[in-house]
Protein backbone atom coordinates (compact mmCIF):
# COMPACT_ATOMS: atom_id res chain seq x y z
CA UNK A 1 16.40 -3.87 16.19
CA UNK A 2 17.67 -6.88 17.68
CA UNK A 3 17.81 -9.60 14.69
CA UNK A 4 15.07 -12.36 15.22
CA UNK A 5 16.03 -15.04 16.98
CA UNK A 6 13.16 -17.24 15.53
CA UNK A 7 11.08 -16.63 12.82
CA UNK A 8 7.40 -18.65 13.58
CA UNK A 9 6.56 -21.11 10.91
CA UNK A 10 3.83 -19.87 8.63
CA UNK A 11 1.35 -23.04 9.38
CA UNK A 12 -2.22 -23.04 9.04
CA UNK A 13 -4.44 -20.68 7.05
CA UNK A 14 -3.69 -16.51 6.84
CA UNK A 15 -6.76 -14.51 6.46
CA UNK A 16 -6.44 -11.54 4.86
CA UNK A 17 -9.02 -9.36 5.89
CA UNK A 18 -9.69 -5.92 2.68
CA UNK A 19 -11.72 -2.95 4.35
CA UNK A 20 -12.71 -2.10 0.68
CA UNK A 21 -13.62 -4.85 -2.10
CA UNK A 22 -13.95 -2.97 -5.53
CA UNK A 23 -11.32 -2.73 -8.05
CA UNK A 24 -7.97 -3.15 -6.44
CA UNK A 25 -9.18 -5.82 -4.16
CA UNK A 26 -11.32 -8.04 -6.06
CA UNK A 27 -8.22 -8.08 -9.00
CA UNK A 28 -5.87 -8.89 -5.92
CA UNK A 29 -8.01 -11.76 -4.91
CA UNK A 30 -9.04 -13.20 -8.50
CA UNK A 31 -5.46 -12.70 -9.22
CA UNK A 32 -4.81 -14.85 -6.47
CA UNK A 33 -7.22 -17.57 -6.97
CA UNK A 34 -6.22 -17.59 -11.10
CA UNK A 35 -2.73 -18.22 -9.80
CA UNK A 36 -3.45 -21.17 -7.74
CA UNK A 37 -5.26 -22.96 -9.86
CA UNK A 38 -2.82 -22.38 -12.59
CA UNK A 39 -4.86 -19.93 -14.96
CA UNK A 40 -2.38 -16.60 -15.09
CA UNK A 41 1.14 -15.64 -13.48
CA UNK A 42 1.17 -12.87 -10.42
CA UNK A 43 3.60 -11.14 -12.47
CA UNK A 44 4.45 -7.88 -10.43
CA UNK A 45 5.09 -9.74 -6.93
CA UNK A 46 8.22 -9.92 -5.46
CA UNK A 47 7.38 -12.72 -3.17
CA UNK A 48 6.02 -15.19 -5.46
CA UNK A 49 8.52 -14.22 -8.69
CA UNK A 50 12.13 -11.98 -7.75
CA UNK A 51 15.35 -13.79 -6.73
CA UNK A 52 17.60 -12.71 -4.04
CA UNK A 53 21.17 -13.24 -4.39
CA UNK A 54 22.84 -14.20 -1.28
CA UNK A 55 27.20 -13.90 -1.10
CA UNK A 56 29.09 -12.73 -3.35
CA UNK A 57 27.90 -12.83 -6.87
CA UNK A 58 30.01 -15.93 -8.02
CA UNK A 59 28.87 -17.78 -5.67
CA UNK A 60 25.95 -18.00 -8.41
CA UNK A 61 23.23 -18.15 -4.94
CA UNK A 62 19.85 -16.60 -5.77
CA UNK A 63 16.69 -18.56 -4.48
CA UNK A 64 13.49 -16.96 -5.03
CA UNK A 65 12.36 -15.06 -1.74
CA UNK A 66 9.41 -17.16 -1.31
CA UNK A 67 12.15 -19.85 -0.91
CA UNK A 68 14.51 -17.62 1.06
CA UNK A 69 12.09 -16.85 3.98
CA UNK A 70 9.27 -18.55 5.10
CA UNK A 71 5.94 -17.04 3.25
CA UNK A 72 2.72 -18.34 3.52
CA UNK A 73 1.58 -19.63 0.30
CA UNK A 74 -1.12 -18.85 -1.91
CA UNK A 75 -2.42 -22.35 -0.93
CA UNK A 76 -3.14 -20.86 2.59
CA UNK A 77 -4.96 -17.62 2.20
CA UNK A 78 -8.15 -16.52 2.84
CA UNK A 79 -10.20 -13.45 2.25
CA UNK A 80 -12.66 -11.62 4.14
CA UNK A 81 -13.81 -7.87 3.65
CA UNK A 82 -16.22 -4.95 4.14
CA UNK A 83 -18.01 -2.30 1.56
CA UNK A 84 -20.61 -0.11 1.79
CA UNK A 85 -21.67 -1.76 -1.53
CA UNK A 86 -23.01 -5.69 -1.09
CA UNK A 87 -21.94 -7.03 -4.52
CA UNK A 88 -20.52 -9.58 -4.14
CA UNK A 89 -16.76 -10.45 -5.41
CA UNK A 90 -18.05 -11.90 -9.06
CA UNK A 91 -20.07 -8.97 -9.51
CA UNK A 92 -17.86 -6.29 -8.20
CA UNK A 93 -14.92 -7.58 -10.46
CA UNK A 94 -17.46 -7.26 -13.21
CA UNK A 95 -18.79 -3.66 -12.23
CA UNK A 96 -14.99 -2.49 -11.82
CA UNK A 97 -14.29 -3.62 -15.84
CA UNK A 98 -10.30 -4.19 -14.71
CA UNK A 99 -10.22 -8.14 -15.62
CA UNK A 100 -11.75 -10.06 -18.67
CA UNK A 101 -15.05 -11.47 -17.73
CA UNK A 102 -14.93 -14.40 -20.24
CA UNK A 103 -11.02 -14.84 -19.75
CA UNK A 104 -10.78 -14.07 -16.16
CA UNK A 105 -13.59 -14.03 -14.37
CA UNK A 106 -16.19 -16.45 -15.33
CA UNK A 107 -13.49 -19.86 -14.52
CA UNK A 108 -13.66 -18.62 -10.78
CA UNK A 109 -17.09 -17.62 -10.82
CA UNK A 110 -17.78 -20.57 -8.04
CA UNK A 111 -14.92 -18.86 -5.78
CA UNK A 112 -15.72 -15.10 -6.04
CA UNK A 113 -19.28 -14.99 -6.13
CA UNK A 114 -18.84 -16.91 -2.17
CA UNK A 115 -16.76 -14.10 -0.99
CA UNK A 116 -19.70 -11.69 0.07
CA UNK A 117 -18.47 -8.12 1.95
CA UNK A 118 -19.30 -7.61 5.39
CA UNK A 119 -21.25 -4.21 6.51
CA UNK A 120 -18.78 -1.62 6.15
CA UNK A 121 -18.11 1.23 8.87
CA UNK A 122 -18.52 4.30 6.23
CA UNK A 123 -19.80 7.77 6.03
CA UNK A 124 -20.50 10.00 3.27
CA UNK A 125 -19.07 12.71 5.29
CA UNK A 126 -15.64 11.36 4.46
CA UNK A 127 -16.13 10.09 0.68
CA UNK A 128 -18.69 12.16 -0.54
CA UNK A 129 -19.26 10.77 -3.99
CA UNK A 130 -20.04 7.40 -2.81
CA UNK A 131 -22.79 6.17 -1.36
CA UNK A 132 -23.91 2.23 -0.34
CA UNK A 133 -26.77 0.22 2.01
CA UNK A 134 -24.39 -2.19 3.33
CA UNK A 135 -23.11 -0.16 6.11
CA UNK A 136 -22.93 -0.37 9.65
CA UNK A 137 -25.27 1.67 12.26
CA UNK A 138 -24.13 2.40 15.88
CA UNK A 139 -24.48 5.09 18.34
CA UNK A 140 -20.89 6.33 18.07
CA UNK A 141 -17.73 5.53 16.39
CA UNK A 142 -16.73 3.46 19.48
CA UNK A 143 -19.70 1.29 18.80
CA UNK A 144 -18.01 0.61 15.37
CA UNK A 145 -14.59 0.27 16.08
CA UNK A 146 -15.73 -2.41 18.37
CA UNK A 147 -18.15 -3.99 15.47
CA UNK A 148 -15.29 -4.72 13.17
CA UNK A 149 -13.22 -5.90 16.11
CA UNK A 150 -15.99 -8.08 16.61
CA UNK A 151 -15.86 -9.19 12.83
CA UNK A 152 -12.45 -9.64 13.02
CA UNK A 153 -12.44 -12.34 15.43
CA UNK A 154 -15.57 -14.34 14.20
CA UNK A 155 -13.90 -13.80 10.66
CA UNK A 156 -10.97 -16.06 12.31
CA UNK A 157 -12.96 -18.42 13.81
CA UNK A 158 -15.13 -18.94 10.69
CA UNK A 159 -12.88 -19.58 8.59
CA UNK A 160 -10.40 -21.15 11.20
CA UNK A 161 -7.28 -19.08 10.52
CA UNK A 162 -4.38 -19.29 12.43
CA UNK A 163 -3.02 -15.68 11.96
CA UNK A 164 -4.34 -12.69 10.38
CA UNK A 165 -3.29 -9.03 8.08
CA UNK A 166 -5.61 -6.09 7.28
CA UNK A 167 -4.62 -4.12 3.71
CA UNK A 168 -7.11 -0.88 3.67
CA UNK A 169 -8.38 -1.18 -0.29
CA UNK A 170 -10.82 1.31 0.14
CA UNK A 171 -11.42 4.42 -1.81
CA UNK A 172 -9.48 8.04 -0.64
CA UNK A 173 -10.70 10.09 1.83
CA UNK A 174 -11.21 13.43 2.46
CA UNK A 175 -8.32 15.33 3.57
CA UNK A 176 -7.39 15.26 7.69
CA UNK A 177 -4.36 16.74 9.51
CA UNK A 178 -3.25 14.72 12.47
CA UNK A 179 -5.07 16.51 15.56
CA UNK A 180 -4.92 16.33 19.73
CA UNK A 181 -7.46 13.41 18.88
CA UNK A 182 -4.69 11.85 17.32
CA UNK A 183 -1.96 12.07 20.08
CA UNK A 184 -2.69 9.13 22.68
CA UNK A 185 -4.72 6.31 22.65
CA UNK A 186 -6.85 7.73 25.50
CA UNK A 187 -7.80 11.29 23.51
CA UNK A 188 -8.34 8.66 20.42
CA UNK A 189 -10.53 6.17 22.54
CA UNK A 190 -12.50 9.47 24.26
CA UNK A 191 -12.68 11.19 20.69
CA UNK A 192 -14.94 8.19 19.24
CA UNK A 193 -16.92 8.36 21.70
CA UNK A 194 -17.52 12.04 21.26
CA UNK A 195 -17.83 10.95 17.46
CA UNK A 196 -14.88 13.31 16.91
CA UNK A 197 -14.73 14.85 13.28
CA UNK A 198 -10.86 13.93 12.75
CA UNK A 199 -11.72 10.59 13.26
CA UNK A 200 -12.30 8.84 9.77
CA UNK A 201 -13.47 5.39 9.16
CA UNK A 202 -10.07 4.39 8.19
CA UNK A 203 -8.47 5.32 11.43
CA UNK A 204 -11.75 2.72 13.06
CA UNK A 205 -10.24 -0.47 10.75
CA UNK A 206 -6.53 0.40 11.62
CA UNK A 207 -7.81 0.57 15.43
CA UNK A 208 -9.81 -2.49 15.43
CA UNK A 209 -6.78 -4.32 13.51
CA UNK A 210 -4.00 -2.76 16.18
CA UNK A 211 -6.77 -3.87 19.10
CA UNK A 212 -6.64 -7.47 17.78
CA UNK A 213 -3.20 -7.86 16.74
CA UNK A 214 -3.48 -8.09 13.01
CA UNK A 215 -0.86 -6.52 11.19
CA UNK A 216 -1.99 -3.10 8.95
CA UNK A 217 -0.93 -1.58 6.37
CA UNK A 218 -3.39 1.45 4.11
CA UNK A 219 -3.12 1.62 0.45
CA UNK A 220 -4.91 4.92 -0.01
CA UNK A 221 -3.26 8.13 0.91
CA UNK A 222 -5.87 8.31 4.16
CA UNK A 223 -4.54 9.67 7.65
CA UNK A 224 -5.27 5.73 9.21
CA UNK A 225 -2.50 4.54 11.08
CA UNK A 226 0.49 6.88 10.77
CA UNK A 227 0.05 9.17 13.69
CA UNK A 228 1.70 8.93 17.66
CA UNK A 229 -1.92 7.55 19.25
CA UNK A 230 -1.32 4.21 16.63
CA UNK A 231 2.52 4.15 16.54
CA UNK A 232 2.90 3.94 20.12
CA UNK A 233 -0.37 0.99 20.26
CA UNK A 234 1.83 -0.53 17.11
CA UNK A 235 5.38 -0.58 18.96
CA UNK A 236 3.57 -1.66 22.78
CA UNK A 237 1.57 -4.71 21.13
CA UNK A 238 4.11 -5.59 19.18
CA UNK A 239 1.82 -4.88 15.71
CA UNK A 240 3.51 -4.43 12.26
CA UNK A 241 2.40 -1.14 10.52
CA UNK A 242 4.25 0.29 6.98
CA UNK A 243 2.72 3.29 5.42
CA UNK A 244 -0.04 4.55 3.14
CA UNK A 245 -1.15 5.16 -0.36
CA UNK A 246 -0.10 2.30 -3.02
CA UNK A 247 2.83 3.49 -5.31
CA UNK A 248 1.36 2.41 -8.84
CA UNK A 249 1.45 4.29 -12.24
CA UNK A 250 2.76 8.09 -12.30
CA UNK A 251 4.45 8.05 -8.42
CA UNK A 252 5.93 4.99 -9.78
CA UNK A 253 7.74 6.51 -12.60
CA UNK A 254 8.73 9.62 -10.52
CA UNK A 255 10.21 7.14 -7.89
CA UNK A 256 12.14 5.49 -10.83
CA UNK A 257 13.34 7.95 -12.90
CA UNK A 258 14.11 11.41 -10.20
CA UNK A 259 16.99 9.28 -8.81
CA UNK A 260 18.17 8.82 -12.19
CA UNK A 261 18.25 12.78 -12.76
CA UNK A 262 19.68 13.20 -9.31
CA UNK A 263 22.43 10.18 -9.98
CA UNK A 264 23.69 12.43 -13.06
CA UNK A 265 23.14 15.89 -11.11
CA UNK A 266 20.79 16.74 -13.84
CA UNK A 267 18.73 19.84 -13.26
CA UNK A 268 15.37 20.04 -12.59
CA UNK A 269 13.07 23.34 -13.33
CA UNK A 270 9.65 21.85 -13.40
CA UNK A 271 7.79 18.75 -13.14
CA UNK A 272 3.90 18.97 -14.48
CA UNK A 273 1.95 15.80 -14.24
CA UNK A 274 -1.94 15.34 -14.91
CA UNK A 275 -4.20 11.96 -15.14
CA UNK A 276 -7.53 10.90 -16.28
CA UNK A 277 -8.80 7.88 -14.50
CA UNK A 278 -12.50 6.85 -14.19
CA UNK A 279 -13.99 3.86 -12.27
CA UNK A 280 -14.41 4.13 -8.47
CA UNK A 281 -11.16 5.82 -7.32
CA UNK A 282 -11.51 8.59 -10.10
CA UNK A 283 -14.93 9.36 -9.35
CA UNK A 284 -14.28 9.56 -5.77
CA UNK A 285 -11.09 11.95 -6.26
CA UNK A 286 -13.39 14.16 -8.40
CA UNK A 287 -14.31 15.60 -4.81
CA UNK A 288 -11.94 18.62 -4.17
CA UNK A 289 -11.46 17.12 -0.30
CA UNK A 290 -10.30 13.70 -1.36
CA UNK A 291 -7.92 15.42 -3.98
CA UNK A 292 -6.77 17.28 -1.37
CA UNK A 293 -5.29 13.73 -0.05
CA UNK A 294 -3.88 12.31 -3.09
CA UNK A 295 -1.89 15.33 -3.70
CA UNK A 296 0.11 15.74 -0.32
CA UNK A 297 0.36 11.96 -0.86
CA UNK A 298 2.03 12.69 -4.22
CA UNK A 299 3.43 16.09 -4.08
CA UNK A 300 5.73 14.66 -1.33
CA UNK A 301 7.91 12.09 -3.83
CA UNK A 302 10.20 14.46 -5.79
CA UNK A 303 11.49 16.86 -2.86
CA UNK A 304 12.63 14.01 -0.81
CA UNK A 305 14.31 12.66 -3.71
CA UNK A 306 15.97 15.12 -5.19
CA UNK A 307 17.17 17.10 -1.64
CA UNK A 308 17.00 20.83 -3.04
CA UNK A 309 18.12 22.03 0.18
CA UNK A 310 21.22 19.78 -0.59
CA UNK A 311 21.29 20.55 -4.84
CA UNK A 312 19.88 24.42 -4.44
CA UNK A 313 21.29 24.88 -7.44
CA UNK A 314 19.62 22.17 -9.60
CA UNK A 315 16.85 21.81 -7.41
CA UNK A 316 16.09 24.94 -5.40
CA UNK A 317 13.74 26.52 -7.87
CA UNK A 318 11.93 22.96 -9.05
CA UNK A 319 7.99 23.65 -9.69
CA UNK A 320 5.98 20.91 -9.38
CA UNK A 321 2.13 20.58 -10.02
CA UNK A 322 -0.34 17.29 -9.74
CA UNK A 323 -3.40 17.19 -11.76
CA UNK A 324 -6.07 14.52 -11.54
CA UNK A 325 -9.04 14.43 -13.86
CA UNK A 326 -12.15 11.93 -13.86
CA UNK A 327 -13.24 10.49 -17.51
CA UNK A 328 -15.89 7.88 -16.32
CA UNK A 329 -14.74 6.19 -20.40
CA UNK A 330 -11.67 5.60 -18.92
CA UNK A 331 -12.79 2.96 -16.43
CA UNK A 332 -9.50 1.61 -14.32
CA UNK A 333 -7.35 2.31 -17.32
CA UNK A 334 -5.64 5.50 -16.26
CA UNK A 335 -3.13 7.53 -18.13
CA UNK A 336 -0.67 9.83 -16.96
CA UNK A 337 1.25 12.63 -18.74
CA UNK A 338 4.03 13.87 -17.16
CA UNK A 339 6.02 16.75 -18.96
CA UNK A 340 9.45 17.34 -17.25
CA UNK A 341 11.98 20.44 -17.85
CA UNK A 342 15.30 19.60 -17.40
CA UNK A 343 18.95 21.53 -17.74
CA UNK A 344 22.31 20.25 -17.72
CA UNK A 345 25.63 21.48 -18.84
CA UNK A 346 26.14 25.23 -18.30
CA UNK A 347 22.90 25.45 -17.76
CA UNK A 348 21.15 24.59 -21.42
CA UNK A 349 17.52 23.03 -21.13
CA UNK A 350 15.92 19.79 -21.65
CA UNK A 351 12.37 18.18 -21.96
CA UNK A 352 11.11 15.14 -21.32
CA UNK A 353 7.81 13.74 -21.75
CA UNK A 354 6.04 10.78 -20.69
CA UNK A 355 2.53 9.27 -21.34
CA UNK A 356 1.92 6.19 -19.13
CA UNK A 357 -1.04 4.60 -20.04
CA UNK A 358 -1.25 2.15 -17.20
CA UNK A 359 -3.69 0.10 -15.26
CA UNK A 360 -3.85 1.27 -12.09
CA UNK A 361 -5.29 -2.09 -10.05
CA UNK A 362 -3.15 -4.30 -12.25
CA UNK A 363 -0.05 -2.26 -10.30
CA UNK A 364 -2.13 -2.30 -6.80
CA UNK A 365 -2.93 -5.81 -6.70
CA UNK A 366 0.44 -7.57 -6.30
CA UNK A 367 1.38 -5.40 -3.63
CA UNK A 368 -1.34 -6.02 -1.76
CA UNK A 369 -0.03 -9.64 -2.39
CA UNK A 370 3.60 -8.78 -1.01
CA UNK A 371 2.35 -6.70 2.03
CA UNK A 372 0.42 -9.45 3.20
CA UNK A 373 2.93 -11.90 2.96
CA UNK A 374 5.64 -9.92 4.61
CA UNK A 375 3.54 -8.31 6.99
CA UNK A 376 2.88 -11.86 8.29
CA UNK A 377 6.76 -12.37 8.17
CA UNK A 378 7.50 -9.02 10.12
CA UNK A 379 4.64 -10.52 13.05
CA UNK A 380 6.02 -14.01 12.78
CA UNK A 381 9.05 -12.22 13.41
CA UNK A 382 8.53 -10.51 16.12
CA UNK A 383 8.97 -7.31 14.38
CA UNK A 384 6.16 -5.00 15.74
CA UNK A 385 5.57 -1.18 15.11
CA UNK A 386 7.02 0.87 11.93
CA UNK A 387 8.48 -1.73 8.81
CA UNK A 388 10.42 1.17 7.21
CA UNK A 389 11.66 -1.97 5.26
CA UNK A 390 8.65 -2.29 3.29
CA UNK A 391 8.68 1.36 2.00
CA UNK A 392 9.15 0.16 -1.50
CA UNK A 393 4.92 -0.33 -1.79
CA UNK A 394 4.10 2.86 -0.87
CA UNK A 395 3.76 6.44 -2.22
CA UNK A 396 4.13 7.79 1.31
CA UNK A 397 6.49 5.29 3.73
CA UNK A 398 5.97 5.67 7.15
CA UNK A 399 9.06 6.04 9.56
CA UNK A 400 10.06 6.44 12.99
CA UNK A 401 9.36 10.45 13.79
CA UNK A 402 11.86 13.10 12.72
CA UNK A 403 13.14 10.56 10.67
CA UNK A 404 12.61 11.36 6.38
CA UNK A 405 11.27 9.12 4.48
CA UNK A 406 13.77 7.02 1.77
CA UNK A 407 10.77 7.37 -1.93
CA UNK A 408 13.96 6.43 -4.00
CA UNK A 409 12.81 3.42 -5.36
CA UNK A 410 16.37 1.75 -5.80
CA UNK A 411 17.46 2.24 -2.37
CA UNK A 412 14.06 0.45 -1.05
CA UNK A 413 14.62 -1.98 -2.90
CA UNK A 414 18.12 -2.44 -1.38
CA UNK A 415 16.59 -2.09 2.23
CA UNK A 416 14.03 -4.52 1.24
CA UNK A 417 16.21 -7.45 0.57
CA UNK A 418 19.23 -6.54 2.81
CA UNK A 419 16.22 -6.46 5.36
CA UNK A 420 15.74 -9.86 4.29
CA UNK A 421 19.05 -11.15 4.15
CA UNK A 422 19.13 -9.95 7.75
CA UNK A 423 16.26 -11.36 9.25
CA UNK A 424 17.82 -14.77 7.98
CA UNK A 425 21.27 -14.33 8.84
CA UNK A 426 22.98 -13.50 5.65
CA UNK A 427 25.43 -10.91 5.09
CA UNK A 428 24.12 -7.76 3.54
CA UNK A 429 24.72 -6.71 0.18
CA UNK A 430 26.76 -3.73 -0.42
CA UNK A 431 27.58 -4.26 -4.01
CA UNK A 432 30.97 -2.47 -3.37
CA UNK A 433 32.75 -5.61 -4.95
CA UNK A 434 36.64 -5.18 -4.33
CA UNK A 435 36.91 -8.52 -2.73
CA UNK A 436 36.69 -9.61 -6.69
CA UNK A 437 39.90 -7.56 -7.52
CA UNK A 438 42.60 -8.27 -4.37
């Protein structure tokens, strides 16, 4: 890709559109507002808190990323959302139970209460454990998509936004495989008119975003923008897209640990993972068809990192199993157990046990922020189509057809920072280091 000759300035308001206004989205919005008021820090966000090294280590030149690349400021963000449940931001956040009501929600109640979700394009055929009354009615899926496009245009005008991005924060839909309806834009638009069953609601949001020139990211494992018709559309319209399924709890740990095993050439005979969680996400995943979508996303990580076809003696007979169990008392505080059977010198077995008591939405919220700001940056830099450099944030990174995704979180991080250096005309950091010893 040609280096950007010019990155347009981040002037004016950036509208962040959020399909789904449950635990993740309300935690994200509340956290941004708390940061704007000086009530909390945006911990976990690379755009807000991480530095980037420029030049040699001896140059001591490590600005914050937000001071190095021209990102939109938190003060410029405006939020719009859709949800089948009509609760405003304050009520939805209280129901989600992620953030402390008295400490973190009540001080910004005035702000959160002012955000009310637009009627959603939603069907219980695709999310069976969720029902709501705040739902659009239309003759077919094409009309639903056009209604979403009108929502986007109206939100932009009403809020005087200069630019928009969209990040899907809705529930996991049932498993849908790419089919003939996803091959071309013509086939997809015909399929919407005919209410094709392989066109799920998240695809309607992605279509609306792309047609309106709005960068799109998918926080769930649904088939949403990762198929031929939309990849071609994104490239032709110059609209950034980047992946699906936020990399948060258990998979985050896998992408941290597995590269270490491979780096040390330690073998892996089995990895068993199970989770318990409540909240809306856990209830939705209690449906086998929605779990299938999540399972496929989770299972692909180890195979890509460990490369069993390259190292058959170490990983060729690896057994990998993932389970998710709905447990209402736990709420958003997910617990993930991992039993890892590894082997080392002369084949001697060893075991590692991981018990990660995480807060899924706390881990996801800074991802939403970073994706919104980085997608906007890519758009202003004229970088349309698949943004593989944002793989860092996803369980299922999006890549060019025929190119395997990189799942090693450390390689992903390196790729992200080197892309920022490249965008700004700085040299890539290789970590070779021989220049210090000449």
